[in-house]
Amino acid sequence: MRPRTLALGAAGAVAGVAAWWRRNPSACPYSQRFWVEAPHPFITRARLREALEPRPGERMLEVGPGTGYYTLDVAEWIAPEGRLEIFDLQQEMLDHTLRRARERGIANVEASQGDARDLPYPDASFDAAYLVTVLGEIPDQDAALRELRRVLEPDGRLVVGELLGDPHYVVFGRLRERAAAAGLRFDRRVGGPLGYFARFAAAG
């Protein structure tokens, strides 16, 4: 088989998977974790830091950490007194990330497993929260945003990261509308149409 034919076949297969995934919101399975481990130039750790503005000593929540691409750096940004809680639907992702944290000598990361539409934390538990290319995977985005608003301190920060081309990409305008309905006030955006981090503040 010619290389061009192979390339076209592979591209078609990827497009087919993406189309199916787009119609069926769900988390990236642990067996396909290589998709979330690849770095992306438009949603870098540096851009997340610019949007999130983490401070040492803060209590922070990450929803959908994947294999910890952002987790380990964020944990170090808020160390030593700060605490980072990671929350995921899949225990395998949490175990993987915690193992990486231990290997790097990071001790301020804790984990909980469950559904983002029903977070297991008291009201006003966190100074800030973030999720990157995760919101579109949640079947009820409005419920998830309301829960995130609930667990944030008044004026607490929520950062949502999105990457164009992701099967569950959330358009910025639609995100802003959903966030406002959940009691989250738009603050700023870092990045452009190819990939962005949007920051919101929990209404007091």
C-alpha atoms as a PDB file:
ATOM      1  CA  MET A   1       0.000   0.000   0.000  1.00  0.00           C
ATOM      2  CA  ARG A   2       1.360   3.422  -0.915  1.00  0.00           C
ATOM      3  CA  PRO A   3       2.345   5.921   1.834  1.00  0.00           C
ATOM      4  CA  ARG A   4      -0.251   8.417   0.573  1.00  0.00           C
ATOM      5  CA  THR A   5      -2.996   5.794   0.869  1.00  0.00           C
ATOM      6  CA  LEU A   6      -1.836   4.872   4.363  1.00  0.00           C
ATOM      7  CA  ALA A   7      -1.793   8.529   5.409  1.00  0.00           C
ATOM      8  CA  LEU A   8      -5.275   9.122   4.044  1.00  0.00           C
ATOM      9  CA  GLY A   9      -6.545   6.019   5.793  1.00  0.00           C
ATOM     10  CA  ALA A  10      -5.022   7.078   9.101  1.00  0.00           C
ATOM     11  CA  ALA A  11      -6.425  10.585   8.748  1.00  0.00           C
ATOM     12  CA  GLY A  12      -9.851   9.158   8.012  1.00  0.00           C
ATOM     13  CA  ALA A  13      -9.679   6.916  11.056  1.00  0.00           C
ATOM     14  CA  VAL A  14      -8.683   9.809  13.309  1.00  0.00           C
ATOM     15  CA  ALA A  15     -11.461  11.970  11.873  1.00  0.00           C
ATOM     16  CA  GLY A  16     -13.952   9.172  12.445  1.00  0.00           C
ATOM     17  CA  VAL A  17     -12.903   8.755  16.059  1.00  0.00           C
ATOM     18  CA  ALA A  18     -13.065  12.513  16.593  1.00  0.00           C
ATOM     19  CA  ALA A  19     -16.541  12.702  15.070  1.00  0.00           C
ATOM     20  CA  TRP A  20     -17.795   9.874  17.266  1.00  0.00           C
ATOM     21  CA  TRP A  21     -16.216  11.409  20.352  1.00  0.00           C
ATOM     22  CA  ARG A  22     -17.752  14.789  19.547  1.00  0.00           C
ATOM     23  CA  ARG A  23     -21.220  13.226  19.442  1.00  0.00           C
ATOM     24  CA  ASN A  24     -20.611  11.260  22.641  1.00  0.00           C
ATOM     25  CA  PRO A  25     -19.253  13.494  25.428  1.00  0.00           C
ATOM     26  CA  SER A  26     -17.047  11.422  27.706  1.00  0.00           C
ATOM     27  CA  ALA A  27     -13.671  11.555  29.396  1.00  0.00           C
ATOM     28  CA  CYS A  28     -10.591  10.405  27.526  1.00  0.00           C
ATOM     29  CA  PRO A  29     -10.050   6.815  28.733  1.00  0.00           C
ATOM     30  CA  TYR A  30      -6.862   5.967  30.593  1.00  0.00           C
ATOM     31  CA  SER A  31      -5.890   3.562  27.814  1.00  0.00           C
ATOM     32  CA  GLN A  32      -5.756   6.568  25.438  1.00  0.00           C
ATOM     33  CA  ARG A  33      -3.817   8.803  27.832  1.00  0.00           C
ATOM     34  CA  PHE A  34      -1.160   9.610  25.219  1.00  0.00           C
ATOM     35  CA  TRP A  35      -3.689  12.102  23.774  1.00  0.00           C
ATOM     36  CA  VAL A  36      -3.601  14.170  26.980  1.00  0.00           C
ATOM     37  CA  GLU A  37       0.143  13.822  27.548  1.00  0.00           C
ATOM     38  CA  ALA A  38       1.104  15.669  24.356  1.00  0.00           C
ATOM     39  CA  PRO A  39       2.101  19.324  24.959  1.00  0.00           C
ATOM     40  CA  HIS A  40       0.173  21.990  23.056  1.00  0.00           C
ATOM     41  CA  PRO A  41       1.761  25.364  22.161  1.00  0.00           C
ATOM     42  CA  PHE A  42      -1.474  27.317  22.624  1.00  0.00           C
ATOM     43  CA  ILE A  43      -2.399  26.072  26.118  1.00  0.00           C
ATOM     44  CA  THR A  44       0.986  25.930  27.796  1.00  0.00           C
ATOM     45  CA  ARG A  45       1.759  25.807  31.499  1.00  0.00           C
ATOM     46  CA  ALA A  46       3.080  29.356  31.265  1.00  0.00           C
ATOM     47  CA  ARG A  47      -0.236  30.582  29.852  1.00  0.00           C
ATOM     48  CA  LEU A  48      -2.147  28.731  32.549  1.00  0.00           C
ATOM     49  CA  ARG A  49      -0.004  30.403  35.183  1.00  0.00           C
ATOM     50  CA  GLU A  50      -0.659  33.809  33.624  1.00  0.00           C
ATOM     51  CA  ALA A  51      -4.419  33.235  33.711  1.00  0.00           C
ATOM     52  CA  LEU A  52      -4.590  31.491  37.082  1.00  0.00           C
ATOM     53  CA  GLU A  53      -2.158  33.720  38.991  1.00  0.00           C
ATOM     54  CA  PRO A  54      -1.507  31.063  41.661  1.00  0.00           C
ATOM     55  CA  ARG A  55      -0.198  32.203  45.026  1.00  0.00           C
ATOM     56  CA  PRO A  56       1.738  30.227  47.648  1.00  0.00           C
ATOM     57  CA  GLY A  57      -0.540  28.880  50.350  1.00  0.00           C
ATOM     58  CA  GLU A  58      -3.723  28.742  48.263  1.00  0.00           C
ATOM     59  CA  ARG A  59      -6.251  25.914  48.225  1.00  0.00           C
ATOM     60  CA  MET A  60      -6.760  24.897  44.628  1.00  0.00           C
ATOM     61  CA  LEU A  61      -8.860  22.379  42.684  1.00  0.00           C
ATOM     62  CA  GLU A  62      -8.063  20.776  39.343  1.00  0.00           C
ATOM     63  CA  VAL A  63     -10.895  18.931  37.612  1.00  0.00           C
ATOM     64  CA  GLY A  64      -9.735  16.331  35.106  1.00  0.00           C
ATOM     65  CA  PRO A  65      -5.963  16.307  35.664  1.00  0.00           C
ATOM     66  CA  GLY A  66      -5.359  13.557  33.135  1.00  0.00           C
ATOM     67  CA  THR A  67      -1.847  12.292  33.765  1.00  0.00           C
ATOM     68  CA  GLY A  68      -0.722  15.443  35.569  1.00  0.00           C
ATOM     69  CA  TYR A  69       0.571  17.624  32.737  1.00  0.00           C
ATOM     70  CA  TYR A  70      -0.406  20.793  34.637  1.00  0.00           C
ATOM     71  CA  THR A  71      -0.780  19.290  38.116  1.00  0.00           C
ATOM     72  CA  LEU A  72       2.840  18.999  39.135  1.00  0.00           C
ATOM     73  CA  ASP A  73       3.736  22.564  38.218  1.00  0.00           C
ATOM     74  CA  VAL A  74       0.647  24.044  39.866  1.00  0.00           C
ATOM     75  CA  ALA A  75       1.382  22.107  43.058  1.00  0.00           C
ATOM     76  CA  GLU A  76       4.869  23.607  43.130  1.00  0.00           C
ATOM     77  CA  TRP A  77       3.567  27.118  42.441  1.00  0.00           C
ATOM     78  CA  ILE A  78       1.396  27.049  45.578  1.00  0.00           C
ATOM     79  CA  ALA A  79       3.856  25.121  47.774  1.00  0.00           C
ATOM     80  CA  PRO A  80       4.807  24.656  50.518  1.00  0.00           C
ATOM     81  CA  GLU A  81       1.659  25.528  52.470  1.00  0.00           C
ATOM     82  CA  GLY A  82      -0.743  25.412  49.531  1.00  0.00           C
ATOM     83  CA  ARG A  83      -2.864  22.347  48.785  1.00  0.00           C
ATOM     84  CA  LEU A  84      -3.928  21.070  45.368  1.00  0.00           C
ATOM     85  CA  GLU A  85      -6.920  18.754  45.169  1.00  0.00           C
ATOM     86  CA  ILE A  86      -7.224  16.787  41.930  1.00  0.00           C
ATOM     87  CA  PHE A  87     -10.601  15.382  40.942  1.00  0.00           C
ATOM     88  CA  ASP A  88     -11.301  12.944  38.132  1.00  0.00           C
ATOM     89  CA  LEU A  89     -13.910  10.485  36.945  1.00  0.00           C
ATOM     90  CA  GLN A  90     -11.236   7.820  36.456  1.00  0.00           C
ATOM     91  CA  GLN A  91      -9.271   6.439  39.386  1.00  0.00           C
ATOM     92  CA  GLU A  92      -6.512   5.294  37.003  1.00  0.00           C
ATOM     93  CA  MET A  93      -5.777   8.900  36.036  1.00  0.00           C
ATOM     94  CA  LEU A  94      -5.607   9.938  39.687  1.00  0.00           C
ATOM     95  CA  ASP A  95      -3.294   7.060  40.594  1.00  0.00           C
ATOM     96  CA  HIS A  96      -1.020   7.889  37.657  1.00  0.00           C
ATOM     97  CA  THR A  97      -0.793  11.555  38.640  1.00  0.00           C
ATOM     98  CA  LEU A  98      -0.190  10.821  42.324  1.00  0.00           C
ATOM     99  CA  ARG A  99       2.578   8.418  41.376  1.00  0.00           C
ATOM    100  CA  ARG A 100       4.242  11.100  39.260  1.00  0.00           C
ATOM    101  CA  ALA A 101       3.938  13.580  42.133  1.00  0.00           C
ATOM    102  CA  ARG A 102       5.628  11.161  44.545  1.00  0.00           C
ATOM    103  CA  GLU A 103       8.427  10.531  42.057  1.00  0.00           C
ATOM    104  CA  ARG A 104       9.027  14.286  41.859  1.00  0.00           C
ATOM    105  CA  GLY A 105       8.923  14.727  45.633  1.00  0.00           C
ATOM    106  CA  ILE A 106       5.675  16.712  45.619  1.00  0.00           C
ATOM    107  CA  ALA A 107       3.642  16.144  48.774  1.00  0.00           C
ATOM    108  CA  ASN A 108       0.830  18.718  48.599  1.00  0.00           C
ATOM    109  CA  VAL A 109      -1.459  16.918  46.126  1.00  0.00           C
ATOM    110  CA  GLU A 110      -4.570  15.033  47.248  1.00  0.00           C
ATOM    111  CA  ALA A 111      -7.096  13.189  45.085  1.00  0.00           C
ATOM    112  CA  SER A 112     -10.808  12.415  44.969  1.00  0.00           C
ATOM    113  CA  GLN A 113     -12.746  10.391  42.408  1.00  0.00           C
ATOM    114  CA  GLY A 114     -16.256  11.182  41.211  1.00  0.00           C
ATOM    115  CA  ASP A 115     -18.534  13.156  38.910  1.00  0.00           C
ATOM    116  CA  ALA A 116     -17.861  16.867  38.317  1.00  0.00           C
ATOM    117  CA  ARG A 117     -21.607  17.514  38.420  1.00  0.00           C
ATOM    118  CA  ASP A 118     -21.601  16.580  42.115  1.00  0.00           C
ATOM    119  CA  LEU A 119     -18.342  17.672  43.736  1.00  0.00           C
ATOM    120  CA  PRO A 120     -17.710  16.167  47.203  1.00  0.00           C
ATOM    121  CA  TYR A 121     -16.490  19.381  48.825  1.00  0.00           C
ATOM    122  CA  PRO A 122     -18.147  21.882  51.172  1.00  0.00           C
ATOM    123  CA  ASP A 123     -19.126  25.321  49.934  1.00  0.00           C
ATOM    124  CA  ALA A 124     -16.281  27.841  49.577  1.00  0.00           C
ATOM    125  CA  SER A 125     -13.545  25.204  49.884  1.00  0.00           C
ATOM    126  CA  PHE A 126     -11.102  26.644  47.338  1.00  0.00           C
ATOM    127  CA  ASP A 127      -9.404  29.903  46.434  1.00  0.00           C
ATOM    128  CA  ALA A 128      -9.199  28.855  42.788  1.00  0.00           C
ATOM    129  CA  ALA A 129     -10.064  26.031  40.410  1.00  0.00           C
ATOM    130  CA  TYR A 130      -9.131  25.130  36.860  1.00  0.00           C
ATOM    131  CA  LEU A 131      -9.886  22.580  34.164  1.00  0.00           C
ATOM    132  CA  VAL A 132      -8.210  22.248  30.771  1.00  0.00           C
ATOM    133  CA  THR A 133      -9.954  20.644  27.761  1.00  0.00           C
ATOM    134  CA  VAL A 134     -12.334  18.961  30.193  1.00  0.00           C
ATOM    135  CA  LEU A 135     -15.565  20.974  30.356  1.00  0.00           C
ATOM    136  CA  GLY A 136     -16.827  19.742  26.978  1.00  0.00           C
ATOM    137  CA  GLU A 137     -16.461  16.132  28.132  1.00  0.00           C
ATOM    138  CA  ILE A 138     -19.011  16.665  30.911  1.00  0.00           C
ATOM    139  CA  PRO A 139     -22.573  15.789  29.799  1.00  0.00           C
ATOM    140  CA  ASP A 140     -24.103  18.674  31.789  1.00  0.00           C
ATOM    141  CA  GLN A 141     -21.695  21.598  31.581  1.00  0.00           C
ATOM    142  CA  ASP A 142     -24.109  23.937  33.349  1.00  0.00           C
ATOM    143  CA  ALA A 143     -24.305  21.666  36.396  1.00  0.00           C
ATOM    144  CA  ALA A 144     -20.513  21.381  36.506  1.00  0.00           C
ATOM    145  CA  LEU A 145     -20.077  25.151  36.373  1.00  0.00           C
ATOM    146  CA  ARG A 146     -22.618  25.628  39.153  1.00  0.00           C
ATOM    147  CA  GLU A 147     -20.733  23.119  41.294  1.00  0.00           C
ATOM    148  CA  LEU A 148     -17.443  24.860  40.625  1.00  0.00           C
ATOM    149  CA  ARG A 149     -19.005  28.176  41.598  1.00  0.00           C
ATOM    150  CA  ARG A 150     -20.317  26.586  44.808  1.00  0.00           C
ATOM    151  CA  VAL A 151     -16.950  25.278  45.992  1.00  0.00           C
ATOM    152  CA  LEU A 152     -15.138  28.566  45.299  1.00  0.00           C
ATOM    153  CA  GLU A 153     -14.676  31.303  47.856  1.00  0.00           C
ATOM    154  CA  PRO A 154     -16.475  34.567  47.019  1.00  0.00           C
ATOM    155  CA  ASP A 155     -14.372  36.191  44.271  1.00  0.00           C
ATOM    156  CA  GLY A 156     -12.515  32.886  43.880  1.00  0.00           C
ATOM    157  CA  ARG A 157     -10.987  32.278  40.466  1.00  0.00           C
ATOM    158  CA  LEU A 158     -12.036  29.698  37.875  1.00  0.00           C
ATOM    159  CA  VAL A 159      -9.871  29.143  34.792  1.00  0.00           C
ATOM    160  CA  VAL A 160     -11.167  27.129  31.841  1.00  0.00           C
ATOM    161  CA  GLY A 161      -8.738  26.095  29.103  1.00  0.00           C
ATOM    162  CA  GLU A 162      -9.838  25.102  25.590  1.00  0.00           C
ATOM    163  CA  LEU A 163      -7.945  24.019  22.476  1.00  0.00           C
ATOM    164  CA  LEU A 164      -9.295  24.342  18.938  1.00  0.00           C
ATOM    165  CA  GLY A 165      -9.375  20.897  17.371  1.00  0.00           C
ATOM    166  CA  ASP A 166     -10.229  19.122  20.602  1.00  0.00           C
ATOM    167  CA  PRO A 167     -13.311  16.934  19.972  1.00  0.00           C
ATOM    168  CA  HIS A 168     -15.141  18.690  22.818  1.00  0.00           C
ATOM    169  CA  TYR A 169     -13.929  22.233  22.186  1.00  0.00           C
ATOM    170  CA  VAL A 170     -16.083  24.855  23.923  1.00  0.00           C
ATOM    171  CA  VAL A 171     -16.417  28.106  21.984  1.00  0.00           C
ATOM    172  CA  PHE A 172     -15.480  31.091  24.130  1.00  0.00           C
ATOM    173  CA  GLY A 173     -18.747  32.961  23.623  1.00  0.00           C
ATOM    174  CA  ARG A 174     -20.799  29.969  24.694  1.00  0.00           C
ATOM    175  CA  LEU A 175     -18.548  29.378  27.688  1.00  0.00           C
ATOM    176  CA  ARG A 176     -19.001  32.964  28.802  1.00  0.00           C
ATOM    177  CA  GLU A 177     -22.789  32.634  28.609  1.00  0.00           C
ATOM    178  CA  ARG A 178     -22.820  29.385  30.590  1.00  0.00           C
ATOM    179  CA  ALA A 179     -20.454  30.784  33.195  1.00  0.00           C
ATOM    180  CA  ALA A 180     -22.563  33.899  33.700  1.00  0.00           C
ATOM    181  CA  ALA A 181     -25.662  31.758  34.221  1.00  0.00           C
ATOM    182  CA  ALA A 182     -23.756  29.822  36.895  1.00  0.00           C
ATOM    183  CA  GLY A 183     -22.800  32.964  38.811  1.00  0.00           C
ATOM    184  CA  LEU A 184     -19.301  33.369  37.398  1.00  0.00           C
ATOM    185  CA  ARG A 185     -18.180  36.799  36.200  1.00  0.00           C
ATOM    186  CA  PHE A 186     -15.771  36.984  33.251  1.00  0.00           C
ATOM    187  CA  ASP A 187     -12.438  38.515  34.186  1.00  0.00           C
ATOM    188  CA  ARG A 188      -9.881  37.983  31.428  1.00  0.00           C
ATOM    189  CA  ARG A 189      -8.720  35.719  28.624  1.00  0.00           C
ATOM    190  CA  VAL A 190      -5.206  34.563  27.794  1.00  0.00           C
ATOM    191  CA  GLY A 191      -4.621  33.284  24.257  1.00  0.00           C
ATOM    192  CA  GLY A 192      -6.602  33.440  21.042  1.00  0.00           C
ATOM    193  CA  PRO A 193      -8.848  31.386  18.767  1.00  0.00           C
ATOM    194  CA  LEU A 194      -6.441  28.440  18.507  1.00  0.00           C
ATOM    195  CA  GLY A 195      -6.318  27.943  22.242  1.00  0.00           C
ATOM    196  CA  TYR A 196      -7.285  30.017  25.251  1.00  0.00           C
ATOM    197  CA  PHE A 197      -7.568  30.195  29.021  1.00  0.00           C
ATOM    198  CA  ALA A 198     -10.591  32.146  30.284  1.00  0.00           C
ATOM    199  CA  ARG A 199     -10.711  33.335  33.884  1.00  0.00           C
ATOM    200  CA  PHE A 200     -13.899  33.961  35.814  1.00  0.00           C
ATOM    201  CA  ALA A 201     -14.585  35.193  39.336  1.00  0.00           C
ATOM    202  CA  ALA A 202     -17.197  33.718  41.636  1.00  0.00           C
ATOM    203  CA  ALA A 203     -19.866  36.327  42.273  1.00  0.00           C
ATOM    204  CA  GLY A 204     -19.955  37.352  45.919  1.00  0.00           C
END
